[in-house]
N, C-alpha and C. Protein backbone atom coordinates (compact mmCIF):
# COMPACT_ATOMS: atom_id res chain seq x y z
N MET A 1 30.34 5.83 -80.69
CA MET A 1 29.40 5.15 -81.57
C MET A 1 29.45 3.66 -81.25
N ASP A 2 28.31 3.06 -80.96
CA ASP A 2 28.35 1.64 -80.66
C ASP A 2 28.43 0.85 -81.97
N ARG A 3 28.66 -0.44 -81.82
CA ARG A 3 28.97 -1.24 -83.01
C ARG A 3 27.80 -1.44 -83.95
N ASP A 4 26.58 -1.21 -83.50
CA ASP A 4 25.43 -1.43 -84.35
C ASP A 4 24.83 -0.14 -84.92
N SER A 5 25.27 1.01 -84.40
CA SER A 5 24.67 2.25 -84.86
C SER A 5 25.30 2.70 -86.17
N GLN A 6 24.53 3.38 -86.93
CA GLN A 6 25.00 3.94 -88.19
C GLN A 6 25.09 5.45 -88.03
N PRO A 7 26.22 6.07 -88.41
CA PRO A 7 26.29 7.51 -88.31
C PRO A 7 25.33 8.15 -89.30
N ASP A 8 24.83 9.32 -88.94
CA ASP A 8 23.94 9.98 -89.89
C ASP A 8 24.76 10.54 -91.06
N PRO A 9 24.14 10.66 -92.23
CA PRO A 9 24.87 11.09 -93.42
C PRO A 9 25.52 12.46 -93.25
N GLU A 10 24.89 13.36 -92.48
CA GLU A 10 25.47 14.69 -92.29
C GLU A 10 26.79 14.61 -91.55
N SER A 11 26.90 13.73 -90.54
CA SER A 11 28.15 13.63 -89.80
C SER A 11 29.25 13.03 -90.67
N LEU A 12 28.90 12.14 -91.60
CA LEU A 12 29.90 11.59 -92.51
C LEU A 12 30.40 12.63 -93.49
N GLU A 13 29.53 13.57 -93.89
CA GLU A 13 29.95 14.62 -94.81
C GLU A 13 31.00 15.52 -94.18
N GLU A 14 30.95 15.67 -92.85
CA GLU A 14 31.91 16.52 -92.16
C GLU A 14 33.28 15.86 -92.05
N LEU A 15 33.34 14.55 -92.20
CA LEU A 15 34.60 13.84 -92.10
C LEU A 15 35.37 13.92 -93.40
N GLY A 16 36.69 13.80 -93.28
CA GLY A 16 37.52 13.71 -94.47
C GLY A 16 37.44 12.32 -95.05
N GLU A 17 38.05 12.13 -96.19
CA GLU A 17 38.02 10.84 -96.88
C GLU A 17 38.63 9.73 -96.03
N VAL A 18 39.75 10.00 -95.39
CA VAL A 18 40.42 8.99 -94.57
C VAL A 18 39.54 8.60 -93.38
N GLU A 19 38.96 9.60 -92.73
CA GLU A 19 38.10 9.32 -91.57
C GLU A 19 36.86 8.52 -91.99
N ARG A 20 36.33 8.81 -93.19
CA ARG A 20 35.19 8.04 -93.69
C ARG A 20 35.57 6.57 -93.88
N ARG A 21 36.78 6.33 -94.37
CA ARG A 21 37.24 4.95 -94.55
C ARG A 21 37.40 4.24 -93.21
N VAL A 22 37.87 4.97 -92.19
CA VAL A 22 38.00 4.37 -90.86
C VAL A 22 36.63 3.98 -90.33
N VAL A 23 35.66 4.88 -90.44
CA VAL A 23 34.30 4.58 -89.98
C VAL A 23 33.75 3.38 -90.74
N GLU A 24 33.98 3.32 -92.03
CA GLU A 24 33.51 2.19 -92.83
C GLU A 24 34.16 0.89 -92.38
N ARG A 25 35.47 0.91 -92.11
CA ARG A 25 36.17 -0.30 -91.63
C ARG A 25 35.65 -0.74 -90.27
N MET A 26 35.31 0.23 -89.42
CA MET A 26 34.80 -0.10 -88.09
C MET A 26 33.40 -0.72 -88.19
N GLN A 27 32.60 -0.20 -89.10
CA GLN A 27 31.23 -0.70 -89.24
C GLN A 27 31.17 -2.02 -90.00
N HIS A 28 32.09 -2.21 -90.92
CA HIS A 28 32.10 -3.42 -91.76
C HIS A 28 33.51 -3.99 -91.80
N PRO A 29 33.97 -4.54 -90.67
CA PRO A 29 35.33 -5.07 -90.65
C PRO A 29 35.44 -6.32 -91.50
N ASP A 30 36.66 -6.55 -92.03
CA ASP A 30 36.87 -7.79 -92.76
C ASP A 30 36.99 -8.93 -91.74
N LYS A 31 37.02 -10.15 -92.23
CA LYS A 31 37.02 -11.32 -91.34
C LYS A 31 38.25 -11.33 -90.42
N ALA A 32 39.40 -10.93 -90.94
CA ALA A 32 40.62 -10.93 -90.13
C ALA A 32 40.50 -9.91 -88.99
N GLN A 33 39.96 -8.73 -89.28
CA GLN A 33 39.80 -7.70 -88.24
C GLN A 33 38.79 -8.16 -87.20
N GLU A 34 37.70 -8.74 -87.64
CA GLU A 34 36.67 -9.23 -86.72
C GLU A 34 37.27 -10.32 -85.81
N ARG A 35 38.03 -11.24 -86.38
CA ARG A 35 38.67 -12.31 -85.61
C ARG A 35 39.64 -11.72 -84.58
N GLU A 36 40.40 -10.72 -84.97
CA GLU A 36 41.34 -10.09 -84.04
C GLU A 36 40.61 -9.44 -82.87
N TRP A 37 39.52 -8.73 -83.15
CA TRP A 37 38.74 -8.12 -82.07
C TRP A 37 38.18 -9.18 -81.13
N LEU A 38 37.70 -10.27 -81.69
CA LEU A 38 37.17 -11.36 -80.86
C LEU A 38 38.27 -11.98 -80.00
N ASP A 39 39.44 -12.19 -80.57
CA ASP A 39 40.55 -12.77 -79.82
C ASP A 39 41.00 -11.83 -78.70
N GLN A 40 41.08 -10.53 -78.98
CA GLN A 40 41.48 -9.57 -77.97
C GLN A 40 40.48 -9.52 -76.82
N THR A 41 39.22 -9.59 -77.15
CA THR A 41 38.17 -9.56 -76.13
C THR A 41 38.26 -10.78 -75.23
N ALA A 42 38.42 -11.96 -75.80
CA ALA A 42 38.54 -13.18 -75.01
C ALA A 42 39.78 -13.14 -74.13
N LEU A 43 40.88 -12.64 -74.65
CA LEU A 43 42.11 -12.51 -73.88
C LEU A 43 41.89 -11.58 -72.68
N MET A 44 41.21 -10.47 -72.91
CA MET A 44 40.94 -9.52 -71.84
C MET A 44 40.07 -10.15 -70.75
N TYR A 45 39.02 -10.86 -71.14
CA TYR A 45 38.15 -11.50 -70.15
C TYR A 45 38.93 -12.51 -69.31
N GLY A 46 39.74 -13.32 -69.95
CA GLY A 46 40.54 -14.31 -69.23
C GLY A 46 41.53 -13.66 -68.28
N ALA A 47 42.18 -12.60 -68.74
CA ALA A 47 43.13 -11.88 -67.88
C ALA A 47 42.44 -11.26 -66.68
N LEU A 48 41.25 -10.71 -66.89
CA LEU A 48 40.51 -10.12 -65.77
C LEU A 48 40.07 -11.18 -64.77
N ILE A 49 39.65 -12.34 -65.25
CA ILE A 49 39.28 -13.42 -64.34
C ILE A 49 40.50 -13.86 -63.52
N GLY A 50 41.61 -14.12 -64.20
CA GLY A 50 42.82 -14.56 -63.51
C GLY A 50 43.29 -13.56 -62.47
N THR A 51 43.31 -12.31 -62.84
CA THR A 51 43.73 -11.26 -61.91
C THR A 51 42.75 -11.16 -60.74
N SER A 52 41.47 -11.24 -61.02
CA SER A 52 40.46 -11.16 -59.97
C SER A 52 40.60 -12.30 -58.97
N VAL A 53 40.80 -13.51 -59.47
CA VAL A 53 40.95 -14.68 -58.59
C VAL A 53 42.19 -14.52 -57.72
N LEU A 54 43.28 -14.08 -58.32
CA LEU A 54 44.51 -13.88 -57.54
C LEU A 54 44.34 -12.81 -56.47
N MET A 55 43.68 -11.74 -56.81
CA MET A 55 43.54 -10.62 -55.88
C MET A 55 42.57 -10.93 -54.74
N VAL A 56 41.58 -11.76 -54.97
CA VAL A 56 40.57 -12.04 -53.94
C VAL A 56 41.06 -13.10 -52.94
N GLN A 57 42.05 -13.89 -53.30
CA GLN A 57 42.51 -14.98 -52.43
C GLN A 57 42.87 -14.54 -51.01
N PRO A 58 43.65 -13.48 -50.81
CA PRO A 58 43.99 -13.10 -49.43
C PRO A 58 42.77 -12.72 -48.60
N PHE A 59 41.73 -12.23 -49.24
CA PHE A 59 40.54 -11.80 -48.51
C PHE A 59 39.69 -12.98 -48.04
N ILE A 60 39.82 -14.13 -48.68
CA ILE A 60 39.00 -15.30 -48.35
C ILE A 60 39.26 -15.76 -46.92
N THR A 61 40.52 -15.76 -46.51
CA THR A 61 40.87 -16.25 -45.18
C THR A 61 41.01 -15.14 -44.14
N ALA A 62 40.78 -13.91 -44.54
CA ALA A 62 40.91 -12.79 -43.59
C ALA A 62 39.81 -12.88 -42.54
N PRO A 63 40.16 -12.67 -41.26
CA PRO A 63 39.14 -12.75 -40.21
C PRO A 63 38.07 -11.67 -40.33
N SER A 64 38.45 -10.51 -40.83
CA SER A 64 37.47 -9.45 -41.06
C SER A 64 37.99 -8.55 -42.19
N LEU A 65 37.07 -7.84 -42.80
CA LEU A 65 37.44 -6.97 -43.92
C LEU A 65 37.05 -5.53 -43.61
N ASP A 66 37.93 -4.62 -43.98
CA ASP A 66 37.54 -3.21 -43.86
C ASP A 66 36.66 -2.85 -45.06
N LEU A 67 36.20 -1.63 -45.10
CA LEU A 67 35.26 -1.20 -46.15
C LEU A 67 35.83 -1.39 -47.55
N VAL A 68 37.08 -0.99 -47.75
CA VAL A 68 37.68 -1.07 -49.08
C VAL A 68 37.85 -2.53 -49.50
N ALA A 69 38.25 -3.39 -48.59
CA ALA A 69 38.40 -4.81 -48.91
C ALA A 69 37.03 -5.42 -49.23
N THR A 70 36.00 -5.01 -48.50
CA THR A 70 34.65 -5.51 -48.77
C THR A 70 34.19 -5.08 -50.17
N ILE A 71 34.46 -3.83 -50.53
CA ILE A 71 34.11 -3.35 -51.87
C ILE A 71 34.82 -4.20 -52.92
N SER A 72 36.09 -4.49 -52.69
CA SER A 72 36.86 -5.30 -53.63
C SER A 72 36.25 -6.69 -53.79
N VAL A 73 35.95 -7.34 -52.68
CA VAL A 73 35.40 -8.71 -52.73
C VAL A 73 34.03 -8.72 -53.42
N VAL A 74 33.19 -7.77 -53.09
CA VAL A 74 31.86 -7.71 -53.72
C VAL A 74 31.99 -7.46 -55.23
N ALA A 75 32.88 -6.54 -55.60
CA ALA A 75 33.07 -6.26 -57.03
C ALA A 75 33.57 -7.50 -57.77
N PHE A 76 34.53 -8.21 -57.17
CA PHE A 76 35.03 -9.43 -57.81
C PHE A 76 33.95 -10.51 -57.87
N SER A 77 33.10 -10.58 -56.86
CA SER A 77 32.04 -11.59 -56.86
C SER A 77 31.02 -11.33 -57.97
N ILE A 78 30.89 -10.09 -58.37
CA ILE A 78 30.03 -9.75 -59.50
C ILE A 78 30.76 -10.02 -60.82
N ALA A 79 32.03 -9.62 -60.88
CA ALA A 79 32.78 -9.68 -62.13
C ALA A 79 33.09 -11.09 -62.60
N ILE A 80 33.53 -11.95 -61.70
CA ILE A 80 34.03 -13.27 -62.11
C ILE A 80 32.99 -14.11 -62.85
N PRO A 81 31.76 -14.27 -62.34
CA PRO A 81 30.79 -15.07 -63.11
C PRO A 81 30.40 -14.43 -64.44
N LEU A 82 30.28 -13.09 -64.45
CA LEU A 82 29.94 -12.42 -65.71
C LEU A 82 31.06 -12.59 -66.73
N LEU A 83 32.30 -12.44 -66.29
CA LEU A 83 33.43 -12.62 -67.21
C LEU A 83 33.49 -14.05 -67.73
N ALA A 84 33.19 -15.02 -66.88
CA ALA A 84 33.17 -16.42 -67.34
C ALA A 84 32.10 -16.63 -68.41
N ALA A 85 30.93 -16.05 -68.20
CA ALA A 85 29.86 -16.15 -69.21
C ALA A 85 30.28 -15.46 -70.50
N LEU A 86 30.96 -14.33 -70.37
CA LEU A 86 31.39 -13.59 -71.56
C LEU A 86 32.47 -14.36 -72.34
N ILE A 87 33.29 -15.13 -71.64
CA ILE A 87 34.27 -15.98 -72.35
C ILE A 87 33.52 -17.01 -73.19
N LEU A 88 32.47 -17.59 -72.64
CA LEU A 88 31.68 -18.57 -73.39
C LEU A 88 31.02 -17.91 -74.60
N VAL A 89 30.47 -16.72 -74.41
CA VAL A 89 29.88 -15.99 -75.54
C VAL A 89 30.96 -15.69 -76.58
N SER A 90 32.13 -15.31 -76.09
CA SER A 90 33.24 -15.00 -77.00
C SER A 90 33.63 -16.20 -77.85
N ARG A 91 33.61 -17.39 -77.26
CA ARG A 91 33.91 -18.60 -78.03
C ARG A 91 32.86 -18.81 -79.13
N GLN A 92 31.59 -18.57 -78.80
CA GLN A 92 30.53 -18.70 -79.81
C GLN A 92 30.71 -17.64 -80.90
N GLU A 93 31.06 -16.43 -80.49
CA GLU A 93 31.30 -15.37 -81.48
C GLU A 93 32.44 -15.76 -82.41
N THR A 94 33.50 -16.32 -81.85
CA THR A 94 34.64 -16.74 -82.67
C THR A 94 34.22 -17.86 -83.62
N PHE A 95 33.44 -18.80 -83.13
CA PHE A 95 32.95 -19.91 -83.96
C PHE A 95 32.15 -19.37 -85.15
N HIS A 96 31.29 -18.38 -84.88
CA HIS A 96 30.44 -17.83 -85.93
C HIS A 96 31.11 -16.71 -86.71
N GLY A 97 32.26 -16.24 -86.23
CA GLY A 97 33.02 -15.22 -86.95
C GLY A 97 32.42 -13.83 -86.88
N ARG A 98 31.61 -13.57 -85.88
CA ARG A 98 31.04 -12.22 -85.73
C ARG A 98 30.61 -12.01 -84.29
N ARG A 99 30.49 -10.74 -83.93
CA ARG A 99 30.05 -10.40 -82.58
C ARG A 99 28.53 -10.47 -82.47
N THR A 100 28.07 -10.73 -81.26
CA THR A 100 26.63 -10.77 -81.02
C THR A 100 26.08 -9.35 -80.95
N ARG A 101 24.82 -9.23 -81.22
CA ARG A 101 24.16 -7.93 -81.14
C ARG A 101 23.24 -7.86 -79.92
N SER A 102 23.43 -8.75 -78.97
CA SER A 102 22.59 -8.82 -77.79
C SER A 102 22.83 -7.63 -76.86
N THR A 103 21.75 -6.96 -76.49
CA THR A 103 21.84 -5.85 -75.54
C THR A 103 22.28 -6.36 -74.17
N LEU A 104 21.79 -7.53 -73.77
CA LEU A 104 22.17 -8.11 -72.49
C LEU A 104 23.68 -8.36 -72.44
N VAL A 105 24.26 -8.86 -73.52
CA VAL A 105 25.70 -9.09 -73.57
C VAL A 105 26.45 -7.76 -73.47
N THR A 106 26.00 -6.75 -74.18
CA THR A 106 26.65 -5.44 -74.14
C THR A 106 26.62 -4.85 -72.73
N ILE A 107 25.48 -4.96 -72.06
CA ILE A 107 25.37 -4.47 -70.67
C ILE A 107 26.26 -5.30 -69.76
N SER A 108 26.27 -6.61 -69.94
CA SER A 108 27.12 -7.49 -69.12
C SER A 108 28.59 -7.17 -69.30
N GLN A 109 29.00 -6.83 -70.51
CA GLN A 109 30.39 -6.46 -70.75
C GLN A 109 30.77 -5.24 -69.92
N ALA A 110 29.93 -4.24 -69.93
CA ALA A 110 30.21 -3.01 -69.17
C ALA A 110 30.23 -3.29 -67.67
N VAL A 111 29.25 -4.05 -67.18
CA VAL A 111 29.18 -4.35 -65.75
C VAL A 111 30.38 -5.21 -65.32
N ALA A 112 30.69 -6.24 -66.08
CA ALA A 112 31.79 -7.15 -65.72
C ALA A 112 33.13 -6.42 -65.72
N GLN A 113 33.40 -5.67 -66.76
CA GLN A 113 34.67 -4.95 -66.83
C GLN A 113 34.74 -3.88 -65.75
N GLY A 114 33.65 -3.17 -65.55
CA GLY A 114 33.63 -2.14 -64.51
C GLY A 114 33.82 -2.73 -63.12
N ALA A 115 33.13 -3.84 -62.83
CA ALA A 115 33.28 -4.47 -61.52
C ALA A 115 34.69 -4.99 -61.31
N ALA A 116 35.29 -5.57 -62.33
CA ALA A 116 36.67 -6.07 -62.21
C ALA A 116 37.63 -4.91 -61.92
N ILE A 117 37.46 -3.81 -62.63
CA ILE A 117 38.33 -2.65 -62.42
C ILE A 117 38.12 -2.07 -61.02
N ILE A 118 36.89 -1.95 -60.59
CA ILE A 118 36.60 -1.45 -59.24
C ILE A 118 37.23 -2.39 -58.21
N GLY A 119 37.10 -3.70 -58.41
CA GLY A 119 37.70 -4.66 -57.49
C GLY A 119 39.20 -4.52 -57.42
N LEU A 120 39.84 -4.34 -58.57
CA LEU A 120 41.29 -4.19 -58.59
C LEU A 120 41.73 -2.91 -57.88
N ILE A 121 41.08 -1.82 -58.21
CA ILE A 121 41.44 -0.54 -57.58
C ILE A 121 41.23 -0.61 -56.07
N ALA A 122 40.12 -1.19 -55.65
CA ALA A 122 39.85 -1.32 -54.21
C ALA A 122 40.87 -2.23 -53.54
N ALA A 123 41.26 -3.31 -54.19
CA ALA A 123 42.26 -4.22 -53.61
C ALA A 123 43.60 -3.50 -53.44
N PHE A 124 44.02 -2.77 -54.47
CA PHE A 124 45.26 -2.02 -54.34
C PHE A 124 45.12 -0.90 -53.31
N TRP A 125 43.97 -0.27 -53.25
CA TRP A 125 43.71 0.77 -52.26
C TRP A 125 43.80 0.18 -50.85
N HIS A 126 43.31 -1.04 -50.68
CA HIS A 126 43.39 -1.72 -49.40
C HIS A 126 44.85 -1.89 -48.97
N ILE A 127 45.71 -2.21 -49.92
CA ILE A 127 47.13 -2.36 -49.61
C ILE A 127 47.71 -1.01 -49.20
N HIS A 128 47.48 0.00 -50.01
CA HIS A 128 47.87 1.38 -49.70
C HIS A 128 47.14 2.29 -50.67
N TRP A 129 46.60 3.39 -50.16
CA TRP A 129 45.79 4.26 -51.01
C TRP A 129 46.56 4.80 -52.21
N ILE A 130 47.87 4.99 -52.04
CA ILE A 130 48.67 5.48 -53.17
C ILE A 130 48.69 4.43 -54.29
N ALA A 131 48.72 3.15 -53.93
CA ALA A 131 48.69 2.09 -54.93
C ALA A 131 47.37 2.10 -55.69
N GLY A 132 46.27 2.35 -55.00
CA GLY A 132 44.97 2.44 -55.66
C GLY A 132 44.90 3.60 -56.63
N VAL A 133 45.39 4.76 -56.19
CA VAL A 133 45.41 5.93 -57.07
C VAL A 133 46.35 5.68 -58.25
N GLY A 134 47.48 5.06 -57.97
CA GLY A 134 48.44 4.74 -59.05
C GLY A 134 47.83 3.84 -60.10
N LEU A 135 47.10 2.82 -59.66
CA LEU A 135 46.44 1.91 -60.60
C LEU A 135 45.39 2.65 -61.42
N LEU A 136 44.61 3.48 -60.77
CA LEU A 136 43.58 4.25 -61.46
C LEU A 136 44.19 5.16 -62.52
N VAL A 137 45.20 5.92 -62.13
CA VAL A 137 45.83 6.87 -63.07
C VAL A 137 46.52 6.12 -64.21
N SER A 138 47.30 5.08 -63.87
CA SER A 138 47.99 4.35 -64.94
C SER A 138 47.01 3.62 -65.85
N GLY A 139 45.88 3.19 -65.31
CA GLY A 139 44.84 2.57 -66.14
C GLY A 139 44.25 3.55 -67.14
N LEU A 140 43.99 4.77 -66.69
CA LEU A 140 43.49 5.80 -67.60
C LEU A 140 44.51 6.14 -68.68
N VAL A 141 45.78 6.22 -68.29
CA VAL A 141 46.84 6.47 -69.27
C VAL A 141 46.93 5.31 -70.26
N ALA A 142 46.80 4.08 -69.76
CA ALA A 142 46.85 2.90 -70.64
C ALA A 142 45.71 2.92 -71.66
N ILE A 143 44.53 3.34 -71.22
CA ILE A 143 43.40 3.46 -72.16
C ILE A 143 43.71 4.49 -73.23
N ALA A 144 44.29 5.61 -72.84
CA ALA A 144 44.66 6.65 -73.81
C ALA A 144 45.72 6.13 -74.79
N ILE A 145 46.69 5.40 -74.29
CA ILE A 145 47.74 4.83 -75.15
C ILE A 145 47.13 3.85 -76.15
N HIS A 146 46.29 2.96 -75.67
CA HIS A 146 45.65 1.98 -76.56
C HIS A 146 44.81 2.70 -77.61
N SER A 147 44.04 3.67 -77.18
CA SER A 147 43.17 4.40 -78.11
C SER A 147 43.99 5.13 -79.17
N ALA A 148 45.05 5.81 -78.74
CA ALA A 148 45.90 6.54 -79.69
C ALA A 148 46.54 5.58 -80.69
N GLY A 149 47.07 4.47 -80.19
CA GLY A 149 47.69 3.50 -81.08
C GLY A 149 46.70 2.89 -82.05
N PHE A 150 45.52 2.54 -81.55
CA PHE A 150 44.48 1.95 -82.39
C PHE A 150 44.09 2.91 -83.50
N TRP A 151 43.77 4.15 -83.14
CA TRP A 151 43.32 5.11 -84.14
C TRP A 151 44.42 5.47 -85.12
N LYS A 152 45.66 5.56 -84.66
CA LYS A 152 46.78 5.85 -85.56
C LYS A 152 46.91 4.73 -86.58
N LEU A 153 46.84 3.48 -86.12
CA LEU A 153 46.92 2.35 -87.05
C LEU A 153 45.77 2.37 -88.05
N GLU A 154 44.56 2.61 -87.55
CA GLU A 154 43.40 2.62 -88.44
C GLU A 154 43.49 3.76 -89.46
N LEU A 155 43.93 4.93 -89.02
CA LEU A 155 44.08 6.05 -89.96
C LEU A 155 45.16 5.76 -90.99
N ASP A 156 46.26 5.12 -90.55
CA ASP A 156 47.32 4.76 -91.50
C ASP A 156 46.81 3.77 -92.54
N VAL A 157 46.07 2.76 -92.09
CA VAL A 157 45.53 1.76 -93.01
C VAL A 157 44.53 2.41 -93.96
N ALA A 158 43.67 3.26 -93.43
CA ALA A 158 42.64 3.89 -94.25
C ALA A 158 43.23 4.89 -95.24
N SER A 159 44.35 5.52 -94.89
CA SER A 159 44.92 6.51 -95.79
C SER A 159 45.66 5.88 -96.96
N SER A 160 46.06 4.62 -96.81
CA SER A 160 46.71 3.92 -97.92
C SER A 160 46.13 2.52 -98.04
N PRO A 161 44.88 2.42 -98.53
CA PRO A 161 44.20 1.12 -98.56
C PRO A 161 44.86 0.09 -99.48
N ASP A 162 45.65 0.54 -100.47
CA ASP A 162 46.25 -0.40 -101.40
C ASP A 162 47.61 -0.91 -100.93
N GLU A 163 48.19 -0.24 -99.92
CA GLU A 163 49.49 -0.64 -99.42
C GLU A 163 49.32 -1.41 -98.12
N PRO A 164 50.15 -2.43 -97.88
CA PRO A 164 50.06 -3.15 -96.60
C PRO A 164 50.54 -2.23 -95.47
N PRO A 165 49.96 -2.36 -94.26
CA PRO A 165 50.40 -1.53 -93.14
C PRO A 165 51.82 -1.87 -92.74
N ASP A 166 52.50 -0.90 -92.10
CA ASP A 166 53.88 -1.11 -91.65
C ASP A 166 53.98 -2.17 -90.60
């Protein structure tokens, strides 16, 4: 569910009380939650830019590039300017205390993050294909870990709204 969509009433009826509270918190976060999401997003964009710049440096002076190195450089050349623009948008979002609803920004987020990840995987693949596969697999595991932790925290908070979280 994207951040602007509203679930249909029938799908909410199928959810339990705790799950309904989680959906409500996601759709209408308090100021502290919104600020945290904005801070995490800006941190991620900065980290991706820094990593991209570091990874592309050896390719700049290389006399020639193989296919995988070329894919990496092209992906980074797409990602870095988009990520820089997204950092600026993120600063405006933080200033205003809310996320933008721009479709162009949403598309840019997906393209920038995807290009950065493709660039990283290709760069590691260039070093050794096992390193590229390792990065891909560990990245997918990391997404699962983050998702599980996020949802567990949200369910815990929603199940005891009057008590502070652990």
